Each structure stands twice: as C-alpha cells, then as structure tokens.
N, C-alpha and C. Protein backbone atom coordinates (compact mmCIF):
# COMPACT_ATOMS: atom_id res chain seq x y z
N UNK A 1 -21.63 13.65 103.57
CA UNK A 1 -21.79 13.23 104.93
C UNK A 1 -21.21 11.82 105.08
N UNK A 2 -20.45 11.60 106.15
CA UNK A 2 -19.88 10.29 106.45
C UNK A 2 -20.80 9.57 107.41
N UNK A 3 -21.14 8.32 107.08
CA UNK A 3 -21.98 7.51 107.94
C UNK A 3 -21.09 6.52 108.68
N UNK A 4 -21.03 6.68 110.01
CA UNK A 4 -20.27 5.78 110.87
C UNK A 4 -21.27 5.02 111.73
N UNK A 5 -21.15 3.70 111.75
CA UNK A 5 -22.06 2.88 112.52
C UNK A 5 -21.29 2.16 113.63
N UNK A 6 -21.82 2.24 114.85
CA UNK A 6 -21.24 1.53 115.99
C UNK A 6 -21.66 0.08 115.93
N UNK A 7 -20.70 -0.80 116.04
CA UNK A 7 -20.98 -2.24 116.02
C UNK A 7 -20.17 -2.91 117.12
N UNK A 8 -20.66 -4.08 117.55
CA UNK A 8 -19.94 -4.82 118.58
C UNK A 8 -19.77 -6.30 118.24
N UNK A 9 -19.92 -6.62 116.95
CA UNK A 9 -19.72 -8.00 116.52
C UNK A 9 -19.28 -8.02 115.06
N UNK A 10 -18.75 -9.15 114.65
CA UNK A 10 -18.37 -9.32 113.25
C UNK A 10 -19.60 -9.27 112.36
N UNK A 11 -20.68 -9.92 112.78
CA UNK A 11 -21.91 -9.89 111.98
C UNK A 11 -22.43 -8.47 111.84
N UNK A 12 -22.40 -7.69 112.92
CA UNK A 12 -22.84 -6.30 112.86
C UNK A 12 -21.98 -5.48 111.92
N UNK A 13 -20.68 -5.74 111.92
CA UNK A 13 -19.76 -5.02 111.03
C UNK A 13 -20.06 -5.34 109.57
N UNK A 14 -20.27 -6.61 109.28
CA UNK A 14 -20.59 -7.00 107.91
C UNK A 14 -21.91 -6.39 107.46
N UNK A 15 -22.90 -6.39 108.33
CA UNK A 15 -24.19 -5.82 107.99
C UNK A 15 -24.08 -4.32 107.75
N UNK A 16 -23.34 -3.63 108.61
CA UNK A 16 -23.16 -2.18 108.43
C UNK A 16 -22.51 -1.87 107.10
N UNK A 17 -21.50 -2.65 106.75
CA UNK A 17 -20.84 -2.46 105.45
C UNK A 17 -21.82 -2.69 104.30
N UNK A 18 -22.60 -3.77 104.38
CA UNK A 18 -23.57 -4.07 103.33
C UNK A 18 -24.62 -2.97 103.19
N UNK A 19 -24.96 -2.32 104.31
CA UNK A 19 -25.97 -1.26 104.30
C UNK A 19 -25.41 0.09 103.88
N UNK A 20 -24.10 0.15 103.59
CA UNK A 20 -23.52 1.36 103.04
C UNK A 20 -22.77 2.25 104.01
N UNK A 21 -22.43 1.75 105.19
CA UNK A 21 -21.65 2.56 106.13
C UNK A 21 -20.32 2.95 105.50
N UNK A 22 -19.88 4.17 105.80
CA UNK A 22 -18.57 4.63 105.33
C UNK A 22 -17.44 4.14 106.21
N UNK A 23 -17.75 3.96 107.51
CA UNK A 23 -16.76 3.44 108.45
C UNK A 23 -17.47 2.86 109.65
N UNK A 24 -16.70 2.11 110.44
CA UNK A 24 -17.23 1.44 111.62
C UNK A 24 -16.59 2.01 112.88
N UNK A 25 -17.38 2.09 113.94
CA UNK A 25 -16.84 2.32 115.27
C UNK A 25 -17.02 1.00 116.01
N UNK A 26 -15.93 0.32 116.28
CA UNK A 26 -15.98 -0.98 116.92
C UNK A 26 -15.92 -0.82 118.44
N UNK A 27 -16.91 -1.40 119.11
CA UNK A 27 -17.05 -1.29 120.56
C UNK A 27 -17.39 -2.65 121.14
N UNK A 28 -17.34 -2.73 122.43
CA UNK A 28 -17.95 -3.82 123.20
C UNK A 28 -18.92 -3.14 124.16
N UNK A 29 -19.87 -3.86 124.68
CA UNK A 29 -20.74 -3.34 125.73
C UNK A 29 -21.51 -2.08 125.37
N UNK A 30 -22.12 -2.06 124.20
CA UNK A 30 -22.89 -0.88 123.82
C UNK A 30 -24.03 -0.60 124.80
N UNK A 31 -24.52 -1.64 125.47
CA UNK A 31 -25.61 -1.46 126.43
C UNK A 31 -25.19 -0.63 127.65
N UNK A 32 -23.89 -0.47 127.85
CA UNK A 32 -23.39 0.36 128.96
C UNK A 32 -22.65 1.60 128.43
N UNK A 33 -22.89 1.94 127.18
CA UNK A 33 -22.28 3.13 126.61
C UNK A 33 -21.04 2.87 125.78
N UNK A 34 -20.61 1.63 125.71
CA UNK A 34 -19.45 1.27 124.90
C UNK A 34 -18.18 1.12 125.70
N UNK A 35 -17.42 0.08 125.37
CA UNK A 35 -16.14 -0.23 126.00
C UNK A 35 -15.15 -0.64 124.91
N UNK A 36 -13.88 -0.66 125.26
CA UNK A 36 -12.85 -1.10 124.32
C UNK A 36 -13.10 -2.56 123.93
N UNK A 37 -13.17 -2.85 122.65
CA UNK A 37 -13.38 -4.24 122.22
C UNK A 37 -12.09 -5.05 122.31
N UNK A 38 -12.23 -6.35 122.24
CA UNK A 38 -11.04 -7.21 122.25
C UNK A 38 -10.28 -7.05 120.94
N UNK A 39 -8.98 -7.28 121.00
CA UNK A 39 -8.17 -7.20 119.79
C UNK A 39 -8.51 -8.37 118.86
N UNK A 40 -8.96 -9.48 119.43
CA UNK A 40 -9.40 -10.59 118.59
C UNK A 40 -10.57 -10.20 117.71
N UNK A 41 -11.55 -9.52 118.30
CA UNK A 41 -12.69 -9.05 117.52
C UNK A 41 -12.23 -8.05 116.47
N UNK A 42 -11.36 -7.13 116.88
CA UNK A 42 -10.87 -6.13 115.92
C UNK A 42 -10.21 -6.80 114.72
N UNK A 43 -9.33 -7.76 114.96
CA UNK A 43 -8.62 -8.38 113.83
C UNK A 43 -9.58 -9.12 112.91
N UNK A 44 -10.63 -9.74 113.47
CA UNK A 44 -11.63 -10.40 112.63
C UNK A 44 -12.37 -9.37 111.77
N UNK A 45 -12.83 -8.29 112.40
CA UNK A 45 -13.57 -7.26 111.67
C UNK A 45 -12.69 -6.63 110.60
N UNK A 46 -11.46 -6.31 110.95
CA UNK A 46 -10.55 -5.66 110.01
C UNK A 46 -10.27 -6.56 108.80
N UNK A 47 -10.11 -7.85 109.04
CA UNK A 47 -9.77 -8.76 107.95
C UNK A 47 -10.98 -9.13 107.08
N UNK A 48 -12.19 -8.94 107.60
CA UNK A 48 -13.37 -9.38 106.86
C UNK A 48 -14.28 -8.25 106.39
N UNK A 49 -13.80 -7.01 106.52
CA UNK A 49 -14.53 -5.86 105.98
C UNK A 49 -13.55 -5.00 105.18
N UNK A 50 -14.08 -4.14 104.35
CA UNK A 50 -13.22 -3.31 103.51
C UNK A 50 -13.32 -1.82 103.83
N UNK A 51 -14.07 -1.44 104.85
CA UNK A 51 -14.21 -0.03 105.21
C UNK A 51 -13.38 0.26 106.45
N UNK A 52 -13.03 1.52 106.69
CA UNK A 52 -12.22 1.87 107.86
C UNK A 52 -12.89 1.44 109.17
N UNK A 53 -12.04 0.99 110.09
CA UNK A 53 -12.51 0.56 111.41
C UNK A 53 -11.85 1.43 112.46
N UNK A 54 -12.67 2.16 113.21
CA UNK A 54 -12.20 2.96 114.35
C UNK A 54 -12.53 2.19 115.62
N UNK A 55 -11.62 2.22 116.58
CA UNK A 55 -11.79 1.48 117.83
C UNK A 55 -12.10 2.44 118.96
N UNK A 56 -13.12 2.10 119.75
CA UNK A 56 -13.43 2.87 120.94
C UNK A 56 -12.41 2.52 122.03
N UNK A 57 -11.85 3.54 122.65
CA UNK A 57 -10.94 3.35 123.78
C UNK A 57 -11.66 3.86 125.03
N UNK A 58 -12.20 2.94 125.79
CA UNK A 58 -12.90 3.26 127.03
C UNK A 58 -12.76 2.05 127.95
N UNK A 59 -12.00 2.18 129.04
CA UNK A 59 -11.65 1.02 129.85
C UNK A 59 -12.72 0.51 130.81
N UNK A 60 -13.76 1.30 131.06
CA UNK A 60 -14.77 0.88 132.05
C UNK A 60 -16.06 1.66 131.84
N UNK A 61 -17.13 1.12 132.45
CA UNK A 61 -18.40 1.85 132.42
C UNK A 61 -18.33 2.98 133.44
N UNK A 62 -19.29 3.87 133.37
CA UNK A 62 -19.31 5.01 134.29
C UNK A 62 -18.92 6.28 133.57
N UNK A 63 -18.53 7.26 134.34
CA UNK A 63 -18.18 8.57 133.79
C UNK A 63 -16.92 8.55 132.95
N UNK A 64 -16.53 9.74 132.52
CA UNK A 64 -15.38 9.88 131.63
C UNK A 64 -14.23 10.63 132.30
N UNK A 65 -14.21 10.63 133.61
CA UNK A 65 -13.13 11.25 134.37
C UNK A 65 -12.24 10.10 134.85
N UNK A 66 -11.06 9.97 134.24
CA UNK A 66 -10.22 8.80 134.47
C UNK A 66 -9.03 9.11 135.38
N UNK A 67 -8.65 8.10 136.15
CA UNK A 67 -7.47 8.19 137.01
C UNK A 67 -6.21 8.08 136.16
N UNK A 68 -5.07 8.46 136.71
CA UNK A 68 -3.82 8.29 135.95
C UNK A 68 -3.59 6.84 135.52
N UNK A 69 -3.95 5.89 136.36
CA UNK A 69 -3.77 4.48 136.01
C UNK A 69 -4.66 4.10 134.82
N UNK A 70 -5.89 4.61 134.83
CA UNK A 70 -6.79 4.32 133.72
C UNK A 70 -6.31 4.98 132.43
N UNK A 71 -5.76 6.16 132.53
CA UNK A 71 -5.20 6.83 131.36
C UNK A 71 -4.05 6.01 130.80
N UNK A 72 -3.21 5.45 131.67
CA UNK A 72 -2.11 4.60 131.20
C UNK A 72 -2.64 3.38 130.47
N UNK A 73 -3.72 2.78 130.98
CA UNK A 73 -4.35 1.65 130.32
C UNK A 73 -4.86 2.06 128.95
N UNK A 74 -5.49 3.24 128.88
CA UNK A 74 -6.01 3.74 127.61
C UNK A 74 -4.89 3.98 126.60
N UNK A 75 -3.78 4.51 127.06
CA UNK A 75 -2.64 4.75 126.18
C UNK A 75 -2.11 3.43 125.65
N UNK A 76 -2.04 2.42 126.51
CA UNK A 76 -1.59 1.10 126.08
C UNK A 76 -2.56 0.52 125.05
N UNK A 77 -3.87 0.61 125.32
CA UNK A 77 -4.87 0.12 124.37
C UNK A 77 -4.77 0.87 123.04
N UNK A 78 -4.56 2.16 123.11
CA UNK A 78 -4.44 2.99 121.91
C UNK A 78 -3.25 2.54 121.07
N UNK A 79 -2.13 2.31 121.71
CA UNK A 79 -0.94 1.85 120.97
C UNK A 79 -1.17 0.49 120.32
N UNK A 80 -1.81 -0.42 121.07
CA UNK A 80 -2.11 -1.74 120.50
C UNK A 80 -3.03 -1.61 119.29
N UNK A 81 -4.02 -0.74 119.39
CA UNK A 81 -4.96 -0.54 118.29
C UNK A 81 -4.23 -0.02 117.05
N UNK A 82 -3.38 0.97 117.24
CA UNK A 82 -2.64 1.54 116.11
C UNK A 82 -1.70 0.50 115.51
N UNK A 83 -0.98 -0.22 116.36
CA UNK A 83 -0.05 -1.24 115.87
C UNK A 83 -0.78 -2.37 115.13
N UNK A 84 -2.03 -2.60 115.50
CA UNK A 84 -2.82 -3.67 114.88
C UNK A 84 -3.53 -3.23 113.61
N UNK A 85 -3.41 -1.94 113.26
CA UNK A 85 -3.97 -1.47 112.01
C UNK A 85 -5.28 -0.72 112.09
N UNK A 86 -5.66 -0.23 113.26
CA UNK A 86 -6.88 0.57 113.37
C UNK A 86 -6.77 1.79 112.48
N UNK A 87 -7.88 2.14 111.86
CA UNK A 87 -7.90 3.32 110.99
C UNK A 87 -8.15 4.60 111.77
N UNK A 88 -8.61 4.46 113.00
CA UNK A 88 -8.87 5.62 113.85
C UNK A 88 -9.22 5.18 115.25
N UNK A 89 -9.23 6.15 116.13
CA UNK A 89 -9.52 5.93 117.55
C UNK A 89 -10.68 6.83 117.94
N UNK A 90 -11.57 6.29 118.78
CA UNK A 90 -12.69 7.07 119.31
C UNK A 90 -12.55 7.05 120.83
N UNK A 91 -12.59 8.24 121.45
CA UNK A 91 -12.48 8.31 122.90
C UNK A 91 -13.05 9.64 123.37
N UNK A 92 -13.35 9.73 124.65
CA UNK A 92 -13.90 10.97 125.16
C UNK A 92 -13.54 11.21 126.61
N UNK A 93 -12.27 11.05 126.98
CA UNK A 93 -11.90 11.25 128.39
C UNK A 93 -11.93 12.72 128.80
N UNK A 94 -12.26 12.92 130.06
CA UNK A 94 -12.14 14.25 130.66
C UNK A 94 -10.86 14.22 131.48
N UNK A 95 -9.79 14.73 130.90
CA UNK A 95 -8.50 14.69 131.57
C UNK A 95 -8.22 16.06 132.15
N UNK A 96 -8.04 16.10 133.45
CA UNK A 96 -7.74 17.36 134.09
C UNK A 96 -6.23 17.49 134.18
N UNK A 97 -5.66 17.43 135.33
CA UNK A 97 -4.21 17.52 135.48
C UNK A 97 -3.69 16.15 135.89
N UNK A 98 -2.91 15.54 135.00
CA UNK A 98 -2.37 14.22 135.27
C UNK A 98 -0.85 14.28 135.20
N UNK A 99 -0.19 13.72 136.20
CA UNK A 99 1.27 13.69 136.16
C UNK A 99 1.75 12.54 135.26
N UNK A 100 1.91 12.81 133.98
CA UNK A 100 2.35 11.79 133.05
C UNK A 100 3.86 11.72 133.05
N UNK A 101 4.38 10.52 132.89
CA UNK A 101 5.82 10.31 132.89
C UNK A 101 6.33 10.29 131.45
N UNK A 102 7.62 10.27 131.29
CA UNK A 102 8.22 10.25 129.96
C UNK A 102 8.07 8.87 129.30
N UNK A 103 7.50 7.89 130.00
CA UNK A 103 7.31 6.56 129.43
C UNK A 103 6.24 6.55 128.35
N UNK A 104 5.47 7.62 128.20
CA UNK A 104 4.35 7.63 127.26
C UNK A 104 4.85 8.02 125.94
C-alpha cells in the first residue's frame, strides 16, 4: 500500500516524510478542498525532501466543472509543474465538451 499525505507547507512535507509517507500531494488551501500551490513552495519542498511530490492542479474553490479558460489555466499550471520536476499531478476536473485549440 502506498501512503500519500496531503501537505500545504514545507514543515508539513518534512513531517510527512519523517512519519514514513511514500509520497506527498502538495496543495494550498486545504481548508477549501485544496488549490494549486505556488511554484515557490513546490521548489522548496522538492529540494528539501527525498520522496515523490505530486502537485494538485485546481485553480479555484467550488465545484469541478471548469470553463475553457480555467482548463487553459490548468494546462499551463500542469506544464509548469512538469517542467519544474513534479513527480506527478493530481486533479479531478469534470470536462464535458470543450473546444480546445491546437495550442495545447
């Protein structure tokens, strides 16, 4: 069994690692269900822990039915996370029919 712990700070990430977590889900705003964390926080956590770090991609509080503009923001955040060395992505959008362009 893999133990993944949601954290929203560097101290939380270090504590989760010390307690034996197999990987981290890095978020901001856990009190509202979780939001995309800053890349500054991600780089600190990634450089100061040795376990995989997955980043939550969620641009706002509320439901999981996103507009095309919000999906574009999520795609941009996802690319930044991957380019910055994220070990995985966590997301849960409800995407119905979106007119995506070839820019993606």
